N, C-alpha and C. Protein backbone atom coordinates (compact mmCIF):
# COMPACT_ATOMS: atom_id res chain seq x y z
N UNK A 1 0.20 -11.51 -3.87
CA UNK A 1 1.35 -11.12 -3.44
C UNK A 1 2.23 -10.49 -4.39
N UNK A 2 2.60 -9.30 -4.06
CA UNK A 2 3.44 -8.59 -5.16
C UNK A 2 5.03 -8.54 -4.75
N UNK A 3 5.79 -8.09 -5.66
CA UNK A 3 7.14 -8.31 -5.48
C UNK A 3 7.86 -7.91 -4.31
N UNK A 4 7.63 -6.45 -3.72
CA UNK A 4 8.45 -6.16 -2.70
C UNK A 4 8.03 -6.78 -1.37
N UNK A 5 6.45 -7.06 -1.29
CA UNK A 5 5.92 -7.73 -0.34
C UNK A 5 6.42 -9.06 -0.32
N UNK A 6 6.50 -9.84 -1.31
CA UNK A 6 6.97 -11.22 -1.43
C UNK A 6 8.33 -11.20 -0.88
N UNK A 7 9.29 -10.31 -1.30
CA UNK A 7 10.78 -10.33 -0.85
C UNK A 7 10.57 -10.15 0.61
N UNK A 8 9.89 -9.24 1.08
CA UNK A 8 9.69 -8.88 2.60
C UNK A 8 9.22 -10.18 3.16
N UNK A 9 8.35 -10.78 2.90
CA UNK A 9 7.86 -12.05 3.43
C UNK A 9 9.03 -13.06 3.56
N UNK A 10 9.91 -13.10 2.67
CA UNK A 10 10.98 -14.09 2.57
C UNK A 10 11.98 -13.65 3.73
N UNK A 11 12.05 -12.44 4.01
CA UNK A 11 12.78 -11.76 5.04
C UNK A 11 12.44 -12.24 6.40
N UNK A 12 11.16 -12.44 6.57
CA UNK A 12 10.56 -12.76 7.85
C UNK A 12 10.07 -14.04 8.06
N UNK A 13 10.75 -15.09 6.96
CA UNK A 13 10.25 -16.40 6.85
C UNK A 13 10.03 -17.06 8.19
N UNK A 14 8.66 -17.54 8.18
CA UNK A 14 8.00 -18.20 9.37
C UNK A 14 6.90 -19.00 8.75
N UNK A 15 6.96 -20.26 9.34
CA UNK A 15 5.86 -21.13 8.86
C UNK A 15 4.42 -20.58 8.87
N UNK A 16 4.26 -19.78 9.83
CA UNK A 16 2.81 -19.09 10.06
C UNK A 16 2.63 -18.25 9.01
N UNK A 17 3.75 -17.53 8.29
CA UNK A 17 3.52 -16.50 7.42
C UNK A 17 3.87 -17.06 5.98
N UNK A 18 3.79 -18.43 5.72
CA UNK A 18 4.15 -19.00 4.43
C UNK A 18 3.49 -18.40 3.27
N UNK A 19 4.08 -17.51 2.38
CA UNK A 19 3.37 -16.78 1.33
C UNK A 19 3.20 -17.83 0.08
N UNK A 20 3.83 -18.89 0.11
CA UNK A 20 3.70 -19.98 -0.88
C UNK A 20 2.25 -20.45 -0.98
N UNK A 21 1.48 -20.45 0.00
CA UNK A 21 0.20 -20.82 0.01
C UNK A 21 -0.86 -19.96 -0.56
N UNK A 22 -0.52 -18.60 -0.81
CA UNK A 22 -1.25 -17.58 -1.40
C UNK A 22 -1.12 -17.83 -2.85
N UNK A 23 -2.37 -17.71 -3.57
CA UNK A 23 -2.31 -17.81 -5.05
C UNK A 23 -1.65 -16.75 -5.67
N UNK A 24 -0.89 -17.16 -6.75
CA UNK A 24 -0.27 -16.07 -7.61
C UNK A 24 -1.34 -15.78 -8.79
N UNK A 25 -1.12 -14.74 -9.20
CA UNK A 25 -2.18 -14.38 -10.45
C UNK A 25 -1.35 -13.27 -11.36
N UNK A 26 -1.42 -13.45 -12.72
CA UNK A 26 -0.91 -12.48 -13.64
C UNK A 26 -1.79 -11.37 -13.52
N UNK A 27 -1.18 -10.14 -13.46
CA UNK A 27 -2.15 -8.86 -13.56
C UNK A 27 -3.08 -8.86 -14.72
N UNK A 28 -2.73 -9.43 -15.87
CA UNK A 28 -3.59 -9.19 -17.13
C UNK A 28 -4.72 -10.12 -16.87
N UNK A 29 -4.75 -11.03 -15.95
CA UNK A 29 -5.95 -11.98 -15.75
C UNK A 29 -6.94 -11.33 -14.66
N UNK A 30 -6.43 -10.29 -14.11
CA UNK A 30 -7.38 -9.60 -13.19
C UNK A 30 -8.57 -8.76 -13.99
N UNK A 31 -8.25 -8.32 -15.01
CA UNK A 31 -9.16 -7.58 -15.72
C UNK A 31 -9.06 -7.95 -17.19
N UNK A 32 -9.77 -9.25 -17.45
CA UNK A 32 -9.64 -9.63 -18.81
C UNK A 32 -10.40 -8.76 -19.77
N UNK A 33 -10.02 -8.81 -21.13
CA UNK A 33 -10.75 -8.00 -21.87
C UNK A 33 -9.99 -6.84 -22.39
N UNK A 34 -10.60 -5.69 -22.83
CA UNK A 34 -9.94 -4.43 -23.20
C UNK A 34 -10.14 -3.40 -22.15
N UNK A 35 -9.50 -3.36 -21.08
CA UNK A 35 -9.34 -2.39 -20.06
C UNK A 35 -8.38 -1.47 -20.26
N UNK A 36 -8.40 -0.10 -20.13
CA UNK A 36 -7.54 0.72 -20.03
C UNK A 36 -7.04 1.20 -18.75
N UNK A 37 -5.91 0.91 -18.31
CA UNK A 37 -5.35 1.30 -16.99
C UNK A 37 -4.38 2.59 -17.14
N UNK A 38 -4.43 3.13 -16.10
CA UNK A 38 -3.55 4.38 -16.20
C UNK A 38 -2.60 4.10 -15.09
N UNK A 39 -1.17 4.28 -15.46
CA UNK A 39 -0.27 4.25 -14.49
C UNK A 39 0.59 5.36 -14.71
N UNK A 40 1.38 5.82 -13.51
CA UNK A 40 2.34 6.83 -13.67
C UNK A 40 3.64 6.29 -13.24
N UNK A 41 4.52 6.02 -14.13
CA UNK A 41 5.93 5.56 -14.08
C UNK A 41 6.71 6.60 -13.31
N UNK A 42 7.68 6.09 -12.40
CA UNK A 42 8.58 6.99 -11.75
C UNK A 42 9.96 6.37 -12.03
N UNK A 43 10.88 7.35 -11.79
CA UNK A 43 12.35 6.58 -11.92
C UNK A 43 12.36 5.79 -10.78
N UNK A 44 13.44 5.06 -10.60
CA UNK A 44 13.64 4.05 -9.59
C UNK A 44 13.70 4.73 -8.30
N UNK A 45 12.62 4.22 -7.60
CA UNK A 45 12.19 4.67 -6.16
C UNK A 45 12.58 3.61 -5.25
N UNK A 46 13.76 3.51 -4.49
CA UNK A 46 13.93 2.38 -3.55
C UNK A 46 12.72 2.01 -2.57
N UNK A 47 12.70 0.78 -2.26
CA UNK A 47 11.66 0.54 -1.39
C UNK A 47 10.24 0.80 -1.74
N UNK A 48 10.00 0.79 -3.12
CA UNK A 48 8.68 1.27 -3.56
C UNK A 48 8.17 0.08 -4.62
N UNK A 49 6.96 0.22 -5.01
CA UNK A 49 6.40 -0.74 -5.94
C UNK A 49 7.13 -0.62 -7.39
N UNK A 50 7.27 -1.83 -8.02
CA UNK A 50 7.79 -1.65 -9.42
C UNK A 50 6.66 -1.28 -10.56
N UNK A 51 7.34 -1.28 -11.69
CA UNK A 51 6.24 -0.88 -12.81
C UNK A 51 5.22 -2.07 -12.96
N UNK A 52 5.49 -3.39 -12.83
CA UNK A 52 4.64 -4.39 -12.95
C UNK A 52 3.59 -4.27 -11.67
N UNK A 53 4.11 -4.07 -10.54
CA UNK A 53 3.09 -3.80 -9.38
C UNK A 53 2.31 -2.69 -9.60
N UNK A 54 2.79 -1.76 -10.20
CA UNK A 54 1.86 -0.61 -10.58
C UNK A 54 0.75 -0.92 -11.46
N UNK A 55 1.00 -1.88 -12.63
CA UNK A 55 0.06 -2.43 -13.39
C UNK A 55 -1.00 -3.16 -12.49
N UNK A 56 -0.46 -4.12 -11.63
CA UNK A 56 -1.34 -4.93 -10.89
C UNK A 56 -2.32 -4.02 -9.86
N UNK A 57 -1.65 -3.03 -9.49
CA UNK A 57 -2.60 -2.13 -8.62
C UNK A 57 -3.65 -1.55 -9.30
N UNK A 58 -3.32 -0.95 -10.55
CA UNK A 58 -4.31 -0.32 -11.54
C UNK A 58 -5.35 -1.34 -11.80
N UNK A 59 -4.97 -2.71 -12.15
CA UNK A 59 -5.94 -3.58 -12.49
C UNK A 59 -6.80 -3.96 -11.44
N UNK A 60 -6.22 -4.09 -10.17
CA UNK A 60 -7.09 -4.36 -8.96
C UNK A 60 -8.10 -3.44 -8.77
N UNK A 61 -7.78 -2.10 -8.73
CA UNK A 61 -8.64 -1.05 -8.40
C UNK A 61 -9.74 -1.12 -9.47
N UNK A 62 -9.29 -1.13 -10.63
CA UNK A 62 -10.36 -1.16 -11.64
C UNK A 62 -11.13 -2.45 -11.69
N UNK A 63 -10.76 -3.54 -11.49
CA UNK A 63 -11.47 -4.78 -11.66
C UNK A 63 -12.64 -4.85 -10.40
N UNK A 64 -12.38 -4.26 -9.31
CA UNK A 64 -13.47 -4.17 -8.32
C UNK A 64 -14.34 -2.85 -8.35
N UNK A 65 -13.85 -2.01 -9.35
CA UNK A 65 -14.61 -0.77 -9.41
C UNK A 65 -14.49 0.13 -8.15
N UNK A 66 -13.28 0.08 -7.43
CA UNK A 66 -13.02 0.59 -6.25
C UNK A 66 -13.46 2.21 -6.18
N UNK A 67 -14.26 2.51 -5.40
CA UNK A 67 -14.66 4.04 -5.11
C UNK A 67 -13.82 4.48 -3.80
N UNK A 68 -13.52 3.57 -2.98
CA UNK A 68 -12.95 3.93 -1.64
C UNK A 68 -11.79 2.85 -1.47
N UNK A 69 -10.52 3.42 -1.37
CA UNK A 69 -9.37 2.55 -1.18
C UNK A 69 -8.67 3.01 0.11
N UNK A 70 -8.10 1.99 0.90
CA UNK A 70 -7.34 2.31 2.07
C UNK A 70 -5.95 1.58 1.90
N UNK A 71 -5.11 2.60 1.94
CA UNK A 71 -3.70 2.02 1.81
C UNK A 71 -2.92 2.07 3.25
N UNK A 72 -2.24 1.08 3.65
CA UNK A 72 -1.24 1.10 4.86
C UNK A 72 0.09 1.21 4.25
N UNK A 73 0.69 2.53 4.50
CA UNK A 73 1.98 2.71 3.97
C UNK A 73 2.07 3.77 2.77
N UNK A 74 2.21 4.89 2.92
CA UNK A 74 2.27 6.03 1.91
C UNK A 74 3.70 5.92 1.24
N UNK A 75 4.60 5.86 2.10
CA UNK A 75 6.07 6.27 1.80
C UNK A 75 6.17 7.53 0.84
N UNK A 76 6.73 7.26 -0.31
CA UNK A 76 6.89 8.55 -1.22
C UNK A 76 5.61 8.89 -2.14
N UNK A 77 4.70 7.82 -2.22
CA UNK A 77 3.51 8.05 -2.94
C UNK A 77 3.39 7.27 -4.35
N UNK A 78 4.30 6.35 -4.55
CA UNK A 78 4.27 5.77 -5.97
C UNK A 78 3.03 4.83 -6.04
N UNK A 79 2.67 4.11 -4.87
CA UNK A 79 1.54 3.29 -5.07
C UNK A 79 0.41 3.99 -4.92
N UNK A 80 0.35 5.11 -4.05
CA UNK A 80 -0.90 5.99 -3.73
C UNK A 80 -1.16 6.59 -5.20
N UNK A 81 -0.19 6.92 -5.97
CA UNK A 81 -0.59 7.46 -7.27
C UNK A 81 -1.14 6.47 -8.19
N UNK A 82 -0.92 5.31 -8.14
CA UNK A 82 -1.56 4.30 -8.95
C UNK A 82 -2.94 4.08 -8.50
N UNK A 83 -3.13 4.16 -7.20
CA UNK A 83 -4.46 3.90 -6.62
C UNK A 83 -5.40 5.02 -7.11
N UNK A 84 -4.82 6.34 -6.86
CA UNK A 84 -5.78 7.44 -7.15
C UNK A 84 -5.97 7.63 -8.58
N UNK A 85 -4.96 7.19 -9.62
CA UNK A 85 -5.33 7.22 -10.93
C UNK A 85 -6.35 6.39 -11.32
N UNK A 86 -6.54 5.41 -10.69
CA UNK A 86 -7.52 4.22 -11.28
C UNK A 86 -8.76 4.04 -10.33
N UNK A 87 -8.96 4.83 -9.32
CA UNK A 87 -10.14 4.76 -8.53
C UNK A 87 -11.19 5.32 -9.35
N UNK A 88 -12.54 4.87 -9.12
CA UNK A 88 -13.57 5.25 -9.76
C UNK A 88 -13.90 6.78 -9.49
N UNK A 89 -14.57 7.47 -10.55
CA UNK A 89 -14.85 8.86 -10.46
C UNK A 89 -15.46 9.17 -9.15
N UNK A 90 -15.00 10.14 -8.48
CA UNK A 90 -15.56 10.60 -7.38
C UNK A 90 -15.06 9.70 -6.08
N UNK A 91 -14.22 8.93 -6.48
CA UNK A 91 -13.46 8.10 -5.34
C UNK A 91 -12.34 8.73 -4.55
N UNK A 92 -12.08 8.07 -3.49
CA UNK A 92 -11.14 8.58 -2.60
C UNK A 92 -10.05 7.59 -2.24
N UNK A 93 -8.78 7.78 -2.26
CA UNK A 93 -7.82 6.79 -1.50
C UNK A 93 -7.35 7.45 -0.07
N UNK A 94 -7.53 6.70 0.88
CA UNK A 94 -7.08 6.95 2.32
C UNK A 94 -5.64 6.37 2.46
N UNK A 95 -4.77 7.06 2.71
CA UNK A 95 -3.48 6.46 2.77
C UNK A 95 -2.80 6.91 4.28
N UNK A 96 -2.22 5.89 4.94
CA UNK A 96 -1.66 6.06 6.30
C UNK A 96 -0.42 5.68 6.39
N UNK A 97 0.42 6.78 6.89
CA UNK A 97 1.86 6.60 7.28
C UNK A 97 2.06 7.28 8.68
N UNK A 98 3.24 7.03 9.10
CA UNK A 98 3.88 7.54 10.24
C UNK A 98 3.80 9.07 10.13
N UNK A 99 3.65 9.92 11.24
CA UNK A 99 3.84 11.37 11.08
C UNK A 99 5.19 11.52 10.97
N UNK A 100 5.48 12.71 10.34
CA UNK A 100 6.87 13.23 10.30
C UNK A 100 7.52 13.20 11.57
N UNK A 101 8.86 12.83 11.77
CA UNK A 101 9.66 13.03 12.82
C UNK A 101 9.05 12.16 14.00
N UNK A 102 8.20 10.86 13.79
CA UNK A 102 7.85 10.02 14.55
C UNK A 102 8.98 9.54 15.47
N UNK A 103 8.82 9.40 16.61
CA UNK A 103 9.89 9.13 17.55
C UNK A 103 10.17 7.66 17.85
N UNK A 104 9.09 6.83 17.77
CA UNK A 104 9.14 5.57 18.10
C UNK A 104 8.07 4.75 17.34
N UNK A 105 8.21 3.37 17.30
CA UNK A 105 7.33 2.45 16.63
C UNK A 105 6.67 1.53 17.72
N UNK A 106 5.35 1.29 17.60
CA UNK A 106 4.52 0.51 18.46
C UNK A 106 5.04 -0.97 18.56
N UNK A 107 5.23 -1.42 17.33
CA UNK A 107 5.68 -2.85 17.13
C UNK A 107 7.03 -2.97 16.69
N UNK A 108 7.57 -4.09 16.84
CA UNK A 108 8.81 -4.41 16.39
C UNK A 108 9.25 -4.08 14.80
N UNK A 109 10.44 -3.42 14.72
CA UNK A 109 10.76 -3.36 13.23
C UNK A 109 12.27 -3.84 13.34
N UNK A 110 12.72 -5.04 13.24
CA UNK A 110 14.06 -5.55 13.60
C UNK A 110 15.10 -5.02 12.65
N UNK A 111 14.76 -4.73 11.32
CA UNK A 111 15.86 -4.48 10.42
C UNK A 111 16.06 -2.90 10.38
N UNK A 112 17.42 -2.53 10.55
CA UNK A 112 17.80 -1.14 10.73
C UNK A 112 17.31 -0.37 9.46
N UNK A 113 17.61 -0.93 8.30
CA UNK A 113 17.26 -0.12 6.99
C UNK A 113 15.62 0.13 6.84
N UNK A 114 14.91 -0.88 7.33
CA UNK A 114 13.56 -0.64 7.49
C UNK A 114 13.10 0.60 8.39
N UNK A 115 13.61 0.53 9.58
CA UNK A 115 13.47 1.60 10.39
C UNK A 115 13.68 2.91 9.87
N UNK A 116 14.92 2.97 9.13
CA UNK A 116 15.35 4.27 8.33
C UNK A 116 14.27 4.81 7.44
N UNK A 117 13.78 3.69 6.73
CA UNK A 117 12.68 3.94 5.62
C UNK A 117 11.37 4.59 6.49
N UNK A 118 11.08 3.88 7.40
CA UNK A 118 9.78 4.40 8.32
C UNK A 118 9.87 5.70 8.76
N UNK A 119 11.12 6.14 9.25
CA UNK A 119 11.45 7.52 9.83
C UNK A 119 11.64 8.57 8.79
N UNK A 120 11.73 8.20 7.38
CA UNK A 120 12.07 9.35 6.46
C UNK A 120 10.85 10.13 6.42
N UNK A 121 11.12 11.43 5.97
CA UNK A 121 10.17 12.54 5.81
C UNK A 121 9.77 12.64 4.43
N UNK A 122 9.03 13.42 4.00
CA UNK A 122 8.39 13.73 2.63
C UNK A 122 7.44 12.69 2.32
N UNK A 123 6.52 12.16 3.17
CA UNK A 123 5.66 11.10 2.89
C UNK A 123 4.78 11.69 1.59
N UNK A 124 4.59 10.92 0.62
CA UNK A 124 3.69 11.35 -0.28
C UNK A 124 4.17 12.47 -1.43
N UNK A 125 5.40 12.57 -1.37
CA UNK A 125 6.12 13.79 -2.08
C UNK A 125 5.92 13.66 -3.65
N UNK A 126 5.84 12.39 -4.21
CA UNK A 126 5.73 12.08 -5.51
C UNK A 126 4.39 11.95 -6.11
N UNK A 127 3.36 12.09 -5.27
CA UNK A 127 2.03 12.08 -5.82
C UNK A 127 1.83 13.59 -6.61
N UNK A 128 1.37 13.41 -7.75
CA UNK A 128 1.06 14.49 -8.72
C UNK A 128 0.02 15.34 -8.13
N UNK A 129 0.25 16.63 -7.96
CA UNK A 129 -0.75 17.68 -7.57
C UNK A 129 -2.23 17.50 -7.96
N UNK A 130 -2.27 17.07 -9.21
CA UNK A 130 -3.73 17.01 -9.77
C UNK A 130 -4.60 15.85 -9.23
N UNK A 131 -3.77 14.91 -8.44
CA UNK A 131 -4.34 13.77 -7.78
C UNK A 131 -4.68 14.09 -6.49
N UNK A 132 -4.17 15.15 -5.86
CA UNK A 132 -4.19 15.35 -4.18
C UNK A 132 -5.62 15.49 -3.93
N UNK A 133 -6.58 15.90 -4.88
CA UNK A 133 -8.08 16.18 -4.35
C UNK A 133 -8.91 14.72 -4.19
N UNK A 134 -8.19 13.56 -4.45
CA UNK A 134 -8.80 12.29 -4.31
C UNK A 134 -7.86 11.37 -3.34
N UNK A 135 -7.11 12.02 -2.63
CA UNK A 135 -6.12 11.44 -1.58
C UNK A 135 -6.31 12.10 -0.29
N UNK A 136 -6.71 11.23 0.77
CA UNK A 136 -6.77 11.68 2.15
C UNK A 136 -5.56 11.23 2.94
N UNK A 137 -4.67 11.99 3.50
CA UNK A 137 -3.59 11.73 4.12
C UNK A 137 -3.85 11.46 5.70
N UNK A 138 -3.53 10.34 6.14
CA UNK A 138 -3.69 10.02 7.67
C UNK A 138 -2.41 9.68 8.16
N UNK A 139 -2.20 10.14 9.35
CA UNK A 139 -0.94 10.27 10.14
C UNK A 139 -1.13 9.53 11.45
N UNK A 140 -0.42 8.31 11.61
CA UNK A 140 -0.43 7.72 12.72
C UNK A 140 0.45 6.30 12.67
N UNK A 141 0.91 5.67 13.59
CA UNK A 141 1.38 4.38 13.71
C UNK A 141 0.15 3.33 13.45
N UNK A 142 0.41 2.70 12.47
CA UNK A 142 -0.84 1.63 11.98
C UNK A 142 -1.21 0.80 13.16
N UNK A 143 -0.31 0.48 14.13
CA UNK A 143 -0.57 -0.40 15.07
C UNK A 143 -1.44 0.15 16.16
N UNK A 144 -1.51 1.57 16.39
CA UNK A 144 -2.29 2.33 17.21
C UNK A 144 -3.48 2.83 16.41
N UNK A 145 -3.68 2.95 15.14
CA UNK A 145 -4.55 3.60 14.54
C UNK A 145 -5.88 3.05 14.64
N UNK A 146 -7.06 4.06 14.84
CA UNK A 146 -8.42 3.70 15.06
C UNK A 146 -9.00 3.41 13.80
N UNK A 147 -9.33 2.12 13.42
CA UNK A 147 -9.87 1.94 12.09
C UNK A 147 -11.34 1.97 12.03
N UNK A 148 -12.05 2.35 13.21
CA UNK A 148 -13.60 2.17 13.23
C UNK A 148 -14.16 3.10 12.25
N UNK A 149 -13.78 4.38 11.97
CA UNK A 149 -14.53 5.21 10.98
C UNK A 149 -14.50 4.47 9.57
N UNK A 150 -13.55 3.54 9.30
CA UNK A 150 -13.45 3.11 7.96
C UNK A 150 -13.85 1.73 7.78
N UNK A 151 -14.22 0.89 8.93
CA UNK A 151 -14.75 -0.45 8.76
C UNK A 151 -15.89 -0.46 7.88
N UNK A 152 -15.86 -1.69 6.91
CA UNK A 152 -16.91 -1.92 6.05
C UNK A 152 -17.24 -0.85 5.10
N UNK A 153 -16.23 0.07 4.87
CA UNK A 153 -16.46 1.14 3.80
C UNK A 153 -15.58 1.18 2.57
N UNK A 154 -14.75 0.23 2.61
CA UNK A 154 -13.58 0.24 1.58
C UNK A 154 -13.84 -0.79 0.72
N UNK A 155 -13.56 -0.55 -0.55
CA UNK A 155 -13.73 -1.53 -1.80
C UNK A 155 -12.47 -2.38 -1.88
N UNK A 156 -11.28 -1.82 -1.47
CA UNK A 156 -9.97 -2.43 -1.51
C UNK A 156 -9.11 -1.72 -0.51
N UNK A 157 -8.34 -2.60 0.00
CA UNK A 157 -7.33 -2.30 1.02
C UNK A 157 -5.76 -2.76 0.65
N UNK A 158 -5.01 -1.95 0.58
CA UNK A 158 -3.43 -2.46 -0.06
C UNK A 158 -2.46 -2.18 1.37
N UNK A 159 -2.09 -3.25 1.64
CA UNK A 159 -1.20 -3.28 2.84
C UNK A 159 0.30 -3.33 2.39
N UNK A 160 0.97 -2.15 2.67
CA UNK A 160 2.32 -2.10 2.11
C UNK A 160 2.99 -1.03 3.31
N UNK A 161 2.80 -1.17 4.35
CA UNK A 161 3.52 -0.41 5.42
C UNK A 161 4.84 -1.12 5.89
N UNK A 162 5.06 -1.04 7.07
CA UNK A 162 6.31 -1.71 7.52
C UNK A 162 6.31 -3.14 7.49
N UNK A 163 7.39 -3.86 7.00
CA UNK A 163 7.23 -5.20 6.62
C UNK A 163 7.66 -6.12 7.77
N UNK A 164 7.91 -5.81 8.90
CA UNK A 164 8.03 -6.80 9.97
C UNK A 164 6.83 -7.72 10.20
N UNK A 165 6.99 -8.83 10.62
CA UNK A 165 6.09 -9.70 10.88
C UNK A 165 4.86 -9.03 11.76
N UNK A 166 5.10 -8.48 12.80
CA UNK A 166 4.12 -7.88 13.58
C UNK A 166 3.24 -6.90 12.77
N UNK A 167 3.93 -5.92 12.17
CA UNK A 167 3.18 -4.90 11.48
C UNK A 167 2.37 -5.41 10.29
N UNK A 168 2.95 -6.30 9.54
CA UNK A 168 2.05 -7.09 8.46
C UNK A 168 0.89 -7.67 9.06
N UNK A 169 0.86 -8.42 9.92
CA UNK A 169 -0.10 -9.16 10.70
C UNK A 169 -1.09 -8.17 11.20
N UNK A 170 -0.70 -7.21 11.83
CA UNK A 170 -1.68 -6.04 12.40
C UNK A 170 -2.35 -5.32 11.32
N UNK A 171 -1.58 -4.79 10.35
CA UNK A 171 -2.22 -4.19 9.21
C UNK A 171 -3.47 -4.94 8.43
N UNK A 172 -2.75 -6.24 8.30
CA UNK A 172 -3.70 -7.05 7.51
C UNK A 172 -4.97 -7.39 8.28
N UNK A 173 -4.92 -7.67 9.50
CA UNK A 173 -6.12 -7.86 10.44
C UNK A 173 -7.00 -6.84 10.41
N UNK A 174 -6.39 -5.47 10.48
CA UNK A 174 -7.15 -4.21 10.39
C UNK A 174 -7.82 -4.04 9.16
N UNK A 175 -7.23 -4.55 7.98
CA UNK A 175 -7.73 -4.44 6.67
C UNK A 175 -8.73 -5.21 6.15
N UNK A 176 -9.07 -6.22 7.10
CA UNK A 176 -10.05 -7.27 6.72
C UNK A 176 -11.29 -6.73 7.20
């Protein structure tokens, strides 16, 4: 469980979604030894992963030798960048977000500020151009997205789309 996701889970506190039962791990324990991770820092981007979360993503991708990564929630592309920087050579990151000007959400997003973030344009705008060859952009509401072409083909799935209980549950189930 990483920072923003942990905060969001607290916002939707529900005994069914108790994050305290999930193990916590130090990012440095994911890849023991002398691994070299690559991260791209960004100036503060609200509602995005923090620098320590960038390190954790880099470590996760490298620890499993991920060649195919699926990400629920592109937003501006901060986490997508970390995934793309650390995917195995010849690898691909598939990142899913709502289409620009998407008029409605399939599931509930009760918090107004979260609805505003979901509706923002310029998805993936911060991803450096030299990484775009290993990123595939997918546009759909994740609740109605057909995952069948991707089932059992991913080495890592990162769920960081809408943070309402319904979306986190749906995205997590699809990611399994």
